[in-house]
Amino acid sequence: MPGELNLSNLQPAQERRARKRVGRGMGSGKGRYSGRGIKGQKARAGSHAMRAGFEGGQMPLGMRTAKLRGNTSADAMPIGPFRTVTQAVNVRDLDRFDAGDEVTPETLKARGLIRSLRTDVKLLGSGELTKQLTITVHAASRTAREKVEAAGGTLTVLREPKERKPKNLKRRPEGRTRPAGDTADEEPAGEDG
């Protein structure tokens, strides 16, 4: 490119393309229907402004297919109605601490074992623990609890698990009595007495 720019050496930034001339006779190659085919929705003006997934008024694919329900469903955004999010830390990862140290979510974050303090921390039982530690986490598995106690340490759980109620309890709860005057189970008195 020449050093000085003037009217005699101006050029477009990219090569010019001739615009498509449609509807200029059969000999042009783009006459008669102008590349739109014969009739129908897509031959009309404004027909290409349809939203993504529009199928011409029929039931779209996303609504025709079955949905998975529950906490594994993509429809149950963001992560499902019943799923909880935890950050897992295994007991083998606690070897970075010295014996007698206090392990909390803050110290785990400082050692790079978890990413965020806003998400609960769950201690899992993979690996071995040889040091006596004082551990405070949001939740812990049964195996992890056993390994911490076997090493002589203490484990404090910030969120104790809720007790699950038994499902489909058919029988009457204990402690409830039959209402007064209800004699459904009593045998009817006969003529003998």
C-alpha atoms as a PDB file:
ATOM      1  CA  MET A   1       0.000   0.000   0.000  1.00  0.00           C
ATOM      2  CA  PRO A   2       1.407   3.399  -0.866  1.00  0.00           C
ATOM      3  CA  GLY A   3       2.536   5.559   1.986  1.00  0.00           C
ATOM      4  CA  GLU A   4       0.299   8.502   1.147  1.00  0.00           C
ATOM      5  CA  LEU A   5      -3.478   8.104   0.957  1.00  0.00           C
ATOM      6  CA  ASN A   6      -5.356  10.258  -1.539  1.00  0.00           C
ATOM      7  CA  LEU A   7      -8.357  10.095  -3.856  1.00  0.00           C
ATOM      8  CA  SER A   8      -6.386   8.440  -6.644  1.00  0.00           C
ATOM      9  CA  ASN A   9      -5.445   5.340  -4.639  1.00  0.00           C
ATOM     10  CA  LEU A  10      -8.576   4.769  -2.481  1.00  0.00           C
ATOM     11  CA  GLN A  11      -9.840   1.179  -2.524  1.00  0.00           C
ATOM     12  CA  PRO A  12     -12.652  -0.564  -0.667  1.00  0.00           C
ATOM     13  CA  ALA A  13     -11.628  -2.589   2.378  1.00  0.00           C
ATOM     14  CA  GLN A  14     -12.966  -5.765   0.766  1.00  0.00           C
ATOM     15  CA  GLU A  15     -13.978  -6.756  -2.735  1.00  0.00           C
ATOM     16  CA  ARG A  16     -17.419  -5.534  -3.781  1.00  0.00           C
ATOM     17  CA  ARG A  17     -20.070  -8.160  -4.454  1.00  0.00           C
ATOM     18  CA  ALA A  18     -22.836  -7.453  -6.926  1.00  0.00           C
ATOM     19  CA  ARG A  19     -26.243  -7.616  -5.269  1.00  0.00           C
ATOM     20  CA  LYS A  20     -28.610 -10.370  -6.331  1.00  0.00           C
ATOM     21  CA  ARG A  21     -31.099  -8.987  -8.868  1.00  0.00           C
ATOM     22  CA  VAL A  22     -34.256 -11.076  -8.550  1.00  0.00           C
ATOM     23  CA  GLY A  23     -37.426 -10.970 -10.616  1.00  0.00           C
ATOM     24  CA  ARG A  24     -35.753  -9.611 -13.758  1.00  0.00           C
ATOM     25  CA  GLY A  25     -36.986 -12.171 -16.280  1.00  0.00           C
ATOM     26  CA  MET A  26     -36.532 -15.850 -16.921  1.00  0.00           C
ATOM     27  CA  GLY A  27     -33.172 -15.360 -18.607  1.00  0.00           C
ATOM     28  CA  SER A  28     -31.590 -13.860 -15.485  1.00  0.00           C
ATOM     29  CA  GLY A  29     -31.733 -17.128 -13.547  1.00  0.00           C
ATOM     30  CA  LYS A  30     -33.670 -15.494 -10.696  1.00  0.00           C
ATOM     31  CA  GLY A  31     -36.899 -14.653 -12.469  1.00  0.00           C
ATOM     32  CA  ARG A  32     -40.468 -15.880 -12.016  1.00  0.00           C
ATOM     33  CA  TYR A  33     -40.447 -16.885  -8.290  1.00  0.00           C
ATOM     34  CA  SER A  34     -37.233 -15.017  -7.388  1.00  0.00           C
ATOM     35  CA  GLY A  35     -35.723 -17.979  -5.536  1.00  0.00           C
ATOM     36  CA  ARG A  36     -38.685 -18.391  -3.155  1.00  0.00           C
ATOM     37  CA  GLY A  37     -40.282 -21.483  -4.683  1.00  0.00           C
ATOM     38  CA  ILE A  38     -44.005 -21.780  -5.389  1.00  0.00           C
ATOM     39  CA  LYS A  39     -46.445 -20.343  -2.829  1.00  0.00           C
ATOM     40  CA  GLY A  40     -46.570 -21.272   0.819  1.00  0.00           C
ATOM     41  CA  GLN A  41     -45.589 -19.528   4.029  1.00  0.00           C
ATOM     42  CA  LYS A  42     -41.945 -19.017   3.109  1.00  0.00           C
ATOM     43  CA  ALA A  43     -42.845 -17.370  -0.165  1.00  0.00           C
ATOM     44  CA  ARG A  44     -44.544 -14.509   1.690  1.00  0.00           C
ATOM     45  CA  ALA A  45     -43.018 -11.282   2.940  1.00  0.00           C
ATOM     46  CA  GLY A  46     -41.920 -11.348   6.594  1.00  0.00           C
ATOM     47  CA  SER A  47     -41.965 -15.143   6.682  1.00  0.00           C
ATOM     48  CA  HIS A  48     -38.392 -15.406   7.957  1.00  0.00           C
ATOM     49  CA  ALA A  49     -39.096 -13.584  11.203  1.00  0.00           C
ATOM     50  CA  MET A  50     -40.291 -16.755  12.988  1.00  0.00           C
ATOM     51  CA  ARG A  51     -38.924 -17.559  16.407  1.00  0.00           C
ATOM     52  CA  ALA A  52     -36.529 -20.461  16.859  1.00  0.00           C
ATOM     53  CA  GLY A  53     -38.326 -23.764  17.238  1.00  0.00           C
ATOM     54  CA  PHE A  54     -41.506 -22.602  15.499  1.00  0.00           C
ATOM     55  CA  GLU A  55     -42.949 -25.465  13.445  1.00  0.00           C
ATOM     56  CA  GLY A  56     -45.717 -23.787  11.530  1.00  0.00           C
ATOM     57  CA  GLY A  57     -48.389 -24.042  14.185  1.00  0.00           C
ATOM     58  CA  GLN A  58     -48.053 -27.765  14.902  1.00  0.00           C
ATOM     59  CA  MET A  59     -47.034 -28.968  18.361  1.00  0.00           C
ATOM     60  CA  PRO A  60     -43.284 -28.266  18.559  1.00  0.00           C
ATOM     61  CA  LEU A  61     -40.780 -31.004  19.277  1.00  0.00           C
ATOM     62  CA  GLY A  62     -39.952 -29.653  22.711  1.00  0.00           C
ATOM     63  CA  MET A  63     -43.571 -30.038  23.793  1.00  0.00           C
ATOM     64  CA  ARG A  64     -44.151 -33.378  22.023  1.00  0.00           C
ATOM     65  CA  THR A  65     -41.373 -35.241  23.813  1.00  0.00           C
ATOM     66  CA  ALA A  66     -41.737 -36.672  27.312  1.00  0.00           C
ATOM     67  CA  LYS A  67     -40.158 -34.857  30.225  1.00  0.00           C
ATOM     68  CA  LEU A  68     -38.157 -36.427  33.019  1.00  0.00           C
ATOM     69  CA  ARG A  69     -39.615 -35.375  36.328  1.00  0.00           C
ATOM     70  CA  GLY A  70     -37.790 -34.869  39.585  1.00  0.00           C
ATOM     71  CA  ASN A  71     -34.401 -33.552  40.567  1.00  0.00           C
ATOM     72  CA  THR A  72     -32.589 -35.001  37.521  1.00  0.00           C
ATOM     73  CA  SER A  73     -34.737 -33.189  34.987  1.00  0.00           C
ATOM     74  CA  ALA A  74     -33.340 -30.374  32.913  1.00  0.00           C
ATOM     75  CA  ASP A  75     -36.753 -28.748  33.178  1.00  0.00           C
ATOM     76  CA  ALA A  76     -36.424 -28.540  36.945  1.00  0.00           C
ATOM     77  CA  MET A  77     -34.117 -25.564  36.768  1.00  0.00           C
ATOM     78  CA  PRO A  78     -31.679 -24.576  38.050  1.00  0.00           C
ATOM     79  CA  ILE A  79     -30.802 -27.926  39.625  1.00  0.00           C
ATOM     80  CA  GLY A  80     -34.062 -29.567  40.424  1.00  0.00           C
ATOM     81  CA  PRO A  81     -36.620 -29.071  43.168  1.00  0.00           C
ATOM     82  CA  PHE A  82     -35.161 -31.579  45.641  1.00  0.00           C
ATOM     83  CA  ARG A  83     -31.458 -31.702  44.934  1.00  0.00           C
ATOM     84  CA  THR A  84     -29.015 -30.030  47.308  1.00  0.00           C
ATOM     85  CA  VAL A  85     -25.523 -28.901  46.359  1.00  0.00           C
ATOM     86  CA  THR A  86     -22.512 -29.698  48.502  1.00  0.00           C
ATOM     87  CA  GLN A  87     -18.771 -29.512  48.101  1.00  0.00           C
ATOM     88  CA  ALA A  88     -17.174 -32.878  48.799  1.00  0.00           C
ATOM     89  CA  VAL A  89     -14.003 -33.190  50.875  1.00  0.00           C
ATOM     90  CA  ASN A  90     -12.568 -36.658  51.551  1.00  0.00           C
ATOM     91  CA  VAL A  91     -10.794 -37.618  54.766  1.00  0.00           C
ATOM     92  CA  ARG A  92      -7.608 -38.315  52.765  1.00  0.00           C
ATOM     93  CA  ASP A  93      -7.496 -34.600  51.870  1.00  0.00           C
ATOM     94  CA  LEU A  94      -7.197 -33.665  55.546  1.00  0.00           C
ATOM     95  CA  ASP A  95      -3.570 -34.892  55.677  1.00  0.00           C
ATOM     96  CA  ARG A  96      -2.572 -31.325  54.742  1.00  0.00           C
ATOM     97  CA  PHE A  97      -3.439 -30.285  58.292  1.00  0.00           C
ATOM     98  CA  ASP A  98      -1.230 -30.834  61.329  1.00  0.00           C
ATOM     99  CA  ALA A  99      -2.369 -32.989  64.239  1.00  0.00           C
ATOM    100  CA  GLY A 100      -4.596 -31.028  66.613  1.00  0.00           C
ATOM    101  CA  ASP A 101      -5.618 -28.459  63.992  1.00  0.00           C
ATOM    102  CA  GLU A 102      -9.166 -27.160  63.734  1.00  0.00           C
ATOM    103  CA  VAL A 103     -10.732 -27.869  60.344  1.00  0.00           C
ATOM    104  CA  THR A 104     -13.543 -25.497  59.316  1.00  0.00           C
ATOM    105  CA  PRO A 105     -14.919 -24.369  55.943  1.00  0.00           C
ATOM    106  CA  GLU A 106     -12.726 -21.260  56.247  1.00  0.00           C
ATOM    107  CA  THR A 107      -9.512 -23.270  56.733  1.00  0.00           C
ATOM    108  CA  LEU A 108     -10.512 -25.645  53.926  1.00  0.00           C
ATOM    109  CA  LYS A 109     -10.912 -22.638  51.627  1.00  0.00           C
ATOM    110  CA  ALA A 110      -7.537 -21.282  52.692  1.00  0.00           C
ATOM    111  CA  ARG A 111      -5.877 -24.620  51.823  1.00  0.00           C
ATOM    112  CA  GLY A 112      -7.609 -24.729  48.425  1.00  0.00           C
ATOM    113  CA  LEU A 113      -9.756 -27.792  49.181  1.00  0.00           C
ATOM    114  CA  ILE A 114     -13.056 -26.014  48.454  1.00  0.00           C
ATOM    115  CA  ARG A 115     -13.971 -23.185  46.135  1.00  0.00           C
ATOM    116  CA  SER A 116     -16.664 -21.230  47.942  1.00  0.00           C
ATOM    117  CA  LEU A 117     -17.874 -20.584  51.477  1.00  0.00           C
ATOM    118  CA  ARG A 118     -21.444 -20.104  50.235  1.00  0.00           C
ATOM    119  CA  THR A 119     -21.923 -23.804  49.435  1.00  0.00           C
ATOM    120  CA  ASP A 120     -22.194 -26.468  52.149  1.00  0.00           C
ATOM    121  CA  VAL A 121     -19.225 -28.760  52.779  1.00  0.00           C
ATOM    122  CA  LYS A 122     -19.737 -32.520  53.155  1.00  0.00           C
ATOM    123  CA  LEU A 123     -17.008 -34.776  54.515  1.00  0.00           C
ATOM    124  CA  LEU A 124     -16.754 -38.120  52.726  1.00  0.00           C
ATOM    125  CA  GLY A 125     -14.940 -41.253  53.852  1.00  0.00           C
ATOM    126  CA  SER A 126     -12.589 -42.008  50.957  1.00  0.00           C
ATOM    127  CA  GLY A 127      -9.005 -42.650  52.080  1.00  0.00           C
ATOM    128  CA  GLU A 128      -7.449 -42.906  55.539  1.00  0.00           C
ATOM    129  CA  LEU A 129      -7.080 -40.382  58.352  1.00  0.00           C
ATOM    130  CA  THR A 130      -4.132 -40.731  60.734  1.00  0.00           C
ATOM    131  CA  LYS A 131      -4.217 -37.373  62.519  1.00  0.00           C
ATOM    132  CA  GLN A 132      -6.342 -36.187  65.410  1.00  0.00           C
ATOM    133  CA  LEU A 133      -8.351 -33.219  64.149  1.00  0.00           C
ATOM    134  CA  THR A 134     -11.276 -31.095  65.298  1.00  0.00           C
ATOM    135  CA  ILE A 135     -13.548 -30.913  62.280  1.00  0.00           C
ATOM    136  CA  THR A 136     -16.594 -28.680  61.735  1.00  0.00           C
ATOM    137  CA  VAL A 137     -18.502 -29.166  58.470  1.00  0.00           C
ATOM    138  CA  HIS A 138     -22.099 -28.934  57.299  1.00  0.00           C
ATOM    139  CA  ALA A 139     -22.583 -32.677  56.716  1.00  0.00           C
ATOM    140  CA  ALA A 140     -20.639 -35.925  56.912  1.00  0.00           C
ATOM    141  CA  SER A 141     -21.089 -39.490  55.744  1.00  0.00           C
ATOM    142  CA  ARG A 142     -21.248 -42.357  58.228  1.00  0.00           C
ATOM    143  CA  THR A 143     -17.885 -43.724  57.014  1.00  0.00           C
ATOM    144  CA  ALA A 144     -16.205 -40.339  57.431  1.00  0.00           C
ATOM    145  CA  ARG A 145     -17.586 -39.984  60.960  1.00  0.00           C
ATOM    146  CA  GLU A 146     -16.242 -43.422  61.911  1.00  0.00           C
ATOM    147  CA  LYS A 147     -12.770 -42.678  60.514  1.00  0.00           C
ATOM    148  CA  VAL A 148     -12.520 -39.317  62.291  1.00  0.00           C
ATOM    149  CA  GLU A 149     -13.527 -40.866  65.625  1.00  0.00           C
ATOM    150  CA  ALA A 150     -11.172 -43.840  65.082  1.00  0.00           C
ATOM    151  CA  ALA A 151      -8.277 -41.386  64.650  1.00  0.00           C
ATOM    152  CA  GLY A 152      -9.196 -39.727  67.953  1.00  0.00           C
ATOM    153  CA  GLY A 153     -10.665 -36.581  66.464  1.00  0.00           C
ATOM    154  CA  THR A 154     -14.025 -34.889  66.929  1.00  0.00           C
ATOM    155  CA  LEU A 155     -16.602 -34.109  64.258  1.00  0.00           C
ATOM    156  CA  THR A 156     -19.254 -31.387  64.533  1.00  0.00           C
ATOM    157  CA  VAL A 157     -22.021 -31.317  61.918  1.00  0.00           C
ATOM    158  CA  LEU A 158     -23.606 -27.907  61.398  1.00  0.00           C
ATOM    159  CA  ARG A 159     -26.715 -29.293  59.669  1.00  0.00           C
ATOM    160  CA  GLU A 160     -27.946 -32.484  61.226  1.00  0.00           C
ATOM    161  CA  PRO A 161     -29.850 -34.654  58.712  1.00  0.00           C
ATOM    162  CA  LYS A 162     -33.624 -34.634  59.017  1.00  0.00           C
ATOM    163  CA  GLU A 163     -35.330 -37.852  59.996  1.00  0.00           C
ATOM    164  CA  ARG A 164     -37.275 -39.324  57.114  1.00  0.00           C
ATOM    165  CA  LYS A 165     -40.899 -40.154  57.638  1.00  0.00           C
ATOM    166  CA  PRO A 166     -41.980 -43.631  56.532  1.00  0.00           C
ATOM    167  CA  LYS A 167     -43.957 -43.583  53.314  1.00  0.00           C
ATOM    168  CA  ASN A 168     -47.442 -45.071  52.841  1.00  0.00           C
ATOM    169  CA  LEU A 169     -48.164 -45.543  56.501  1.00  0.00           C
ATOM    170  CA  LYS A 170     -51.381 -47.548  56.333  1.00  0.00           C
ATOM    171  CA  ARG A 171     -51.989 -48.297  59.985  1.00  0.00           C
ATOM    172  CA  ARG A 172     -53.372 -45.808  62.463  1.00  0.00           C
ATOM    173  CA  PRO A 173     -50.734 -43.787  64.355  1.00  0.00           C
ATOM    174  CA  GLU A 174     -50.246 -44.991  67.899  1.00  0.00           C
ATOM    175  CA  GLY A 175     -51.772 -42.944  70.668  1.00  0.00           C
ATOM    176  CA  ARG A 176     -54.974 -42.148  68.781  1.00  0.00           C
ATOM    177  CA  THR A 177     -58.130 -43.484  70.325  1.00  0.00           C
ATOM    178  CA  ARG A 178     -61.437 -44.278  68.739  1.00  0.00           C
ATOM    179  CA  PRO A 179     -63.976 -41.442  69.046  1.00  0.00           C
ATOM    180  CA  ALA A 180     -66.594 -41.799  71.763  1.00  0.00           C
ATOM    181  CA  GLY A 181     -69.713 -43.640  70.662  1.00  0.00           C
ATOM    182  CA  ASP A 182     -67.952 -45.451  67.801  1.00  0.00           C
ATOM    183  CA  THR A 183     -68.877 -49.126  68.200  1.00  0.00           C
ATOM    184  CA  ALA A 184     -67.886 -50.477  64.797  1.00  0.00           C
ATOM    185  CA  ASP A 185     -65.783 -53.333  66.195  1.00  0.00           C
ATOM    186  CA  GLU A 186     -68.215 -54.388  68.925  1.00  0.00           C
ATOM    187  CA  GLU A 187     -70.456 -57.377  68.279  1.00  0.00           C
ATOM    188  CA  PRO A 188     -74.156 -56.594  68.160  1.00  0.00           C
ATOM    189  CA  ALA A 189     -76.070 -57.793  71.181  1.00  0.00           C
ATOM    190  CA  GLY A 190     -78.191 -60.850  70.391  1.00  0.00           C
ATOM    191  CA  GLU A 191     -81.556 -61.877  71.765  1.00  0.00           C
ATOM    192  CA  ASP A 192     -79.876 -64.065  74.366  1.00  0.00           C
ATOM    193  CA  GLY A 193     -78.521 -61.195  76.132  1.00  0.00           C
END
